[in-house]
Amino acid sequence: MHLLLKTSVSQALSAVWAGFDRSLFNRLSPPFPPVEVVRFDGCQTGDIVQLRLNFLLFRQDWISEIVDQKSSPDEIYFIDQGTQLPFFLTAWHHRHRLLRNPAGGTIVVDDITFRTPFLLTDYLMYPLMWLQFAYRKPIYKKIFSGN
């Protein structure tokens, strides 16, 4: 399944990139399931991000490796690839793109491809995944408001 969400923010590309740190990552975590950041190396190739999802009766680890990162004057991106995923996912590829907006500011793009164990659950998970990432839009806008 493929998700693509775009959020326009008012800060410049370099400022938004500088803000992609552990603090932002903590703020982007949705209310459910609660997420503990166990490890956050950063957003550079080879870095590891480990999350612990708390489903109340049990916990699941989610480990991703940053497999690519590139910068140009008009775009900065990094890709996290799931290496250990919670039970409901079999594949995860998330390209975080920061695009210079010609009108000013930056466009934050979450470009995600995921799979679950079954095609039917791909479709059932799609709206849940969309909500988890749509939740980030007002947070991006607030943090990167330029104020």
Protein backbone atom coordinates (compact mmCIF):
# COMPACT_ATOMS: atom_id res chain seq x y z
CA MET A 1 0.00 0.00 0.00
CA HIS A 2 1.14 3.52 -0.68
CA LEU A 3 0.52 6.64 1.42
CA LEU A 4 1.51 10.14 0.35
CA LEU A 5 0.90 13.12 2.62
CA LYS A 6 2.18 16.65 2.02
CA THR A 7 2.34 19.50 4.52
CA SER A 8 3.38 23.06 3.70
CA VAL A 9 5.26 24.87 6.45
CA SER A 10 6.62 28.41 6.54
CA GLN A 11 10.24 27.78 7.55
CA ALA A 12 13.09 27.46 5.06
CA LEU A 13 14.33 24.05 3.94
CA SER A 14 17.55 24.23 6.02
CA ALA A 15 15.65 25.19 9.19
CA VAL A 16 13.17 22.34 8.75
CA TRP A 17 15.99 19.86 8.17
CA ALA A 18 17.75 21.10 11.31
CA GLY A 19 14.52 20.43 13.22
CA PHE A 20 14.34 16.76 12.27
CA ASP A 21 15.73 15.52 15.59
CA ARG A 22 14.69 13.33 18.50
CA SER A 23 12.59 16.11 20.01
CA LEU A 24 10.48 16.34 16.83
CA PHE A 25 10.26 12.57 16.66
CA ASN A 26 8.88 12.45 20.22
CA ARG A 27 6.27 15.10 19.39
CA LEU A 28 5.13 13.29 16.25
CA SER A 29 4.21 10.13 18.16
CA PRO A 30 0.44 9.54 18.08
CA PRO A 31 -1.62 9.05 21.25
CA PHE A 32 -2.20 5.37 20.50
CA PRO A 33 -0.34 3.25 20.67
CA PRO A 34 1.98 5.08 23.06
CA VAL A 35 5.49 4.99 21.64
CA GLU A 36 8.76 4.93 23.56
CA VAL A 37 11.81 5.98 21.59
CA VAL A 38 14.40 3.40 22.63
CA ARG A 39 17.08 4.53 20.19
CA PHE A 40 17.34 7.47 17.81
CA ASP A 41 20.70 7.86 16.09
CA GLY A 42 19.51 10.51 13.64
CA CYS A 43 18.52 10.83 9.98
CA GLN A 44 21.77 9.92 8.21
CA THR A 45 22.54 6.75 6.27
CA GLY A 46 23.31 3.91 8.67
CA ASP A 47 21.47 5.46 11.63
CA ILE A 48 19.02 3.28 13.57
CA VAL A 49 15.65 4.23 15.05
CA GLN A 50 14.10 1.83 17.56
CA LEU A 51 10.59 2.32 18.88
CA ARG A 52 8.62 0.35 21.43
CA LEU A 53 4.87 0.38 20.80
CA ASN A 54 2.75 -0.18 23.90
CA PHE A 55 -0.53 -1.96 23.14
CA LEU A 56 -1.35 -2.13 26.89
CA LEU A 57 -1.34 -5.93 27.14
CA PHE A 58 1.83 -6.36 25.10
CA ARG A 59 4.65 -4.38 23.51
CA GLN A 60 6.17 -4.58 20.04
CA ASP A 61 9.54 -3.26 18.87
CA TRP A 62 9.87 -1.44 15.56
CA ILE A 63 13.39 -0.99 14.27
CA SER A 64 14.24 0.93 11.12
CA GLU A 65 17.53 1.71 9.47
CA ILE A 66 18.16 4.90 7.54
CA VAL A 67 19.19 3.37 4.22
CA ASP A 68 19.67 6.56 2.20
CA GLN A 69 20.01 10.32 2.71
CA LYS A 70 20.64 13.00 0.10
CA SER A 71 20.65 16.78 0.00
CA SER A 72 20.38 19.28 -2.84
CA PRO A 73 19.46 22.97 -2.87
CA ASP A 74 15.80 22.07 -3.55
CA GLU A 75 15.32 18.78 -1.65
CA ILE A 76 16.57 16.91 1.38
CA TYR A 77 15.38 13.39 1.98
CA PHE A 78 16.08 10.30 4.01
CA ILE A 79 14.60 6.83 3.83
CA ASP A 80 13.86 4.58 6.77
CA GLN A 81 13.46 0.89 6.01
CA GLY A 82 11.90 -1.44 8.57
CA THR A 83 14.28 -4.17 9.74
CA GLN A 84 12.20 -5.44 12.68
CA LEU A 85 8.51 -4.68 12.44
CA PRO A 86 5.47 -5.12 14.68
CA PHE A 87 3.27 -8.14 14.00
CA PHE A 88 0.87 -6.22 11.74
CA LEU A 89 3.55 -5.23 9.20
CA THR A 90 5.74 -7.29 6.86
CA ALA A 91 7.37 -4.38 4.99
CA TRP A 92 8.00 -0.68 5.65
CA HIS A 93 9.66 1.94 3.43
CA HIS A 94 9.28 5.61 4.42
CA ARG A 95 10.82 8.35 2.34
CA HIS A 96 10.84 11.61 4.30
CA ARG A 97 11.14 14.44 1.76
CA LEU A 98 11.68 18.11 2.45
CA LEU A 99 11.07 20.16 -0.70
CA ARG A 100 11.83 23.83 -1.18
CA ASN A 101 8.49 25.50 -1.86
CA PRO A 102 8.85 28.02 -4.72
CA ALA A 103 6.18 30.12 -2.98
CA GLY A 104 8.29 30.19 0.20
CA GLY A 105 8.84 27.75 3.04
CA THR A 106 9.08 23.99 2.73
CA ILE A 107 6.82 21.09 1.82
CA VAL A 108 7.19 18.11 4.16
CA VAL A 109 6.32 14.89 2.34
CA ASP A 110 5.69 11.53 3.99
CA ASP A 111 5.95 8.98 1.15
CA ILE A 112 5.26 5.57 2.65
CA THR A 113 4.96 2.07 1.25
CA PHE A 114 3.91 -0.72 3.62
CA ARG A 115 2.64 -4.28 3.55
CA THR A 116 0.82 -6.40 6.08
CA PRO A 117 0.68 -10.19 6.16
CA PHE A 118 -2.46 -10.28 3.95
CA LEU A 119 -3.82 -8.14 1.13
CA LEU A 120 -7.10 -7.69 2.99
CA THR A 121 -5.29 -6.31 6.05
CA ASP A 122 -3.35 -3.94 3.76
CA TYR A 123 -6.69 -2.31 2.94
CA LEU A 124 -7.89 -2.43 6.55
CA MET A 125 -4.65 -0.84 7.81
CA TYR A 126 -4.62 1.91 5.17
CA PRO A 127 -7.05 4.28 6.94
CA LEU A 128 -5.34 3.68 10.29
CA MET A 129 -1.93 4.43 8.82
CA TRP A 130 -3.29 7.49 7.03
CA LEU A 131 -4.69 8.81 10.34
CA GLN A 132 -1.38 8.17 12.14
CA PHE A 133 0.47 10.33 9.60
CA ALA A 134 -2.26 12.94 9.09
CA TYR A 135 -1.91 13.47 12.85
CA ARG A 136 1.56 14.90 12.11
CA LYS A 137 0.35 17.71 9.83
CA PRO A 138 -0.67 20.24 12.51
CA ILE A 139 2.45 19.37 14.51
CA TYR A 140 4.69 20.11 11.53
CA LYS A 141 2.81 23.38 10.93
CA LYS A 142 3.16 24.45 14.57
CA ILE A 143 6.82 23.51 14.99
CA PHE A 144 7.91 24.95 11.65
CA SER A 145 5.70 28.05 11.76
CA GLY A 146 8.66 30.40 11.73
CA ASN A 147 7.68 31.95 15.07
